[in-house]
Amino acid sequence: MKWIFAIGALAMTTTAESGCKRGSEAAQCPTCVVANDRGFVPSKVTIPLGAPGTKTQITFTRTSDETCARDVVFPELNVKVPLPLNKPVSVPVPADVSKTYTFQCGMAMYKSSIVVE
């Protein structure tokens, strides 16, 4: 029983340290995205325009095995990052140009966007 509690506490600490919360609470974090059985939530993230060379870390957490969103792909940036189950993964996104970047699952079934403005 202690072992199960320790694993749960470690998972919660890792998630909390990333600045993201699990489930519907992730919507309160403006740079957090959850990959679940319905795709990416939220489907659109807006980040502020920054100075030249600025990048914003977008944190993705896959919360379900019942999804094809086991990777996040930014086709325009030529970036593909695996999303391990229940482990937050940060992806730097350029924030120095007003632009919309599309991200998707590895099969391109779930598509979402990051808007820099």
Protein backbone atom coordinates (compact mmCIF):
# COMPACT_ATOMS: atom_id res chain seq x y z
CA MET A 1 0.00 0.00 0.00
CA LYS A 2 2.85 2.40 0.81
CA TRP A 3 4.37 1.72 -2.60
CA ILE A 4 1.15 2.68 -4.43
CA PHE A 5 0.87 5.87 -2.38
CA ALA A 6 4.51 6.78 -3.16
CA ILE A 7 3.94 6.37 -6.91
CA GLY A 8 0.79 8.52 -6.75
CA ALA A 9 2.59 11.22 -4.78
CA LEU A 10 5.48 11.22 -7.27
CA ALA A 11 3.08 11.57 -10.23
CA MET A 12 1.29 14.47 -8.56
CA THR A 13 4.60 16.18 -7.71
CA THR A 14 5.87 15.86 -11.29
CA THR A 15 2.64 17.30 -12.65
CA ALA A 16 2.55 20.12 -10.10
CA GLU A 17 6.17 21.05 -10.76
CA SER A 18 5.42 21.46 -14.46
CA GLY A 19 2.75 24.04 -13.63
CA CYS A 20 -0.01 21.86 -15.06
CA LYS A 21 -2.80 20.07 -13.33
CA ARG A 22 -4.57 16.91 -14.39
CA GLY A 23 -7.95 16.63 -16.04
CA SER A 24 -10.26 19.61 -16.36
CA GLU A 25 -8.05 21.70 -14.05
CA ALA A 26 -5.49 21.94 -16.88
CA ALA A 27 -7.77 24.48 -18.55
CA GLN A 28 -6.74 26.93 -15.81
CA CYS A 29 -3.11 26.79 -17.00
CA PRO A 30 -2.75 28.89 -20.18
CA THR A 31 0.20 26.87 -21.54
CA CYS A 32 -0.96 23.35 -20.60
CA VAL A 33 -2.57 20.88 -22.97
CA VAL A 34 -4.03 17.49 -22.05
CA ALA A 35 -4.07 14.67 -24.61
CA ASN A 36 -6.98 12.39 -23.80
CA ASP A 37 -9.48 10.12 -25.58
CA ARG A 38 -11.12 13.18 -27.18
CA GLY A 39 -7.91 14.71 -28.54
CA PHE A 40 -6.11 17.78 -27.26
CA VAL A 41 -7.75 19.95 -24.59
CA PRO A 42 -7.89 22.87 -25.03
CA SER A 43 -7.93 22.75 -28.81
CA LYS A 44 -6.52 26.28 -29.07
CA VAL A 45 -3.82 27.90 -26.92
CA THR A 46 -3.06 31.60 -27.15
CA ILE A 47 0.34 32.89 -26.05
CA PRO A 48 1.65 36.46 -25.97
CA LEU A 49 3.98 37.81 -28.62
CA GLY A 50 7.51 38.18 -27.26
CA ALA A 51 10.82 39.73 -28.19
CA PRO A 52 12.98 38.26 -31.01
CA GLY A 53 14.16 34.75 -30.12
CA THR A 54 11.45 34.28 -27.47
CA LYS A 55 10.02 30.78 -27.03
CA THR A 56 7.16 29.69 -24.79
CA GLN A 57 7.09 26.25 -23.19
CA ILE A 58 3.82 24.45 -23.86
CA THR A 59 3.34 21.49 -21.52
CA PHE A 60 1.52 18.42 -22.80
CA THR A 61 0.25 15.60 -20.58
CA ARG A 62 -1.31 12.45 -22.02
CA THR A 63 -3.91 11.14 -19.56
CA SER A 64 -5.37 8.20 -21.50
CA ASP A 65 -4.18 5.08 -23.26
CA GLU A 66 -7.38 5.25 -25.34
CA THR A 67 -6.02 7.86 -27.74
CA CYS A 68 -3.84 8.08 -30.81
CA ALA A 69 -2.29 11.24 -29.31
CA ARG A 70 0.76 9.36 -28.06
CA ASP A 71 2.94 11.97 -29.78
CA VAL A 72 2.54 15.66 -30.41
CA VAL A 73 3.64 16.81 -33.86
CA PHE A 74 4.28 20.37 -35.01
CA PRO A 75 4.57 19.88 -38.80
CA GLU A 76 5.67 23.44 -39.53
CA LEU A 77 8.41 23.29 -36.88
CA ASN A 78 9.48 19.75 -37.89
CA VAL A 79 8.99 18.60 -34.27
CA LYS A 80 7.63 15.26 -33.06
CA VAL A 81 7.67 14.55 -29.33
CA PRO A 82 6.46 11.36 -27.61
CA LEU A 83 3.90 11.83 -24.83
CA PRO A 84 4.38 9.20 -22.11
CA LEU A 85 1.28 8.45 -20.07
CA ASN A 86 0.72 10.86 -17.16
CA LYS A 87 4.11 12.57 -17.54
CA PRO A 88 4.24 16.25 -18.47
CA VAL A 89 6.41 17.05 -21.48
CA SER A 90 7.36 20.63 -22.39
CA VAL A 91 7.76 21.71 -26.01
CA PRO A 92 9.30 25.12 -26.82
CA VAL A 93 7.27 27.09 -29.36
CA PRO A 94 8.56 30.27 -31.04
CA ALA A 95 6.71 33.29 -29.68
CA ASP A 96 8.56 36.08 -31.49
CA VAL A 97 6.28 36.31 -34.55
CA SER A 98 2.52 36.77 -34.69
CA LYS A 99 1.47 33.41 -36.12
CA THR A 100 -0.66 30.30 -35.73
CA TYR A 101 1.11 26.95 -35.34
CA THR A 102 -0.79 23.72 -35.84
CA PHE A 103 -0.06 20.71 -33.65
CA GLN A 104 -1.54 17.26 -34.04
CA CYS A 105 -1.31 13.64 -33.03
CA GLY A 106 1.03 11.33 -34.91
CA MET A 107 -1.81 10.13 -37.16
CA ALA A 108 -3.05 13.71 -37.85
CA MET A 109 -6.52 12.77 -36.57
CA TYR A 110 -6.53 15.33 -33.74
CA LYS A 111 -5.48 18.82 -34.77
CA SER A 112 -5.18 21.89 -32.59
CA SER A 113 -3.39 25.23 -32.66
CA ILE A 114 -1.19 27.67 -30.80
CA VAL A 115 -1.84 31.31 -31.63
CA VAL A 116 0.92 33.83 -30.97
CA GLU A 117 -0.51 37.35 -30.68
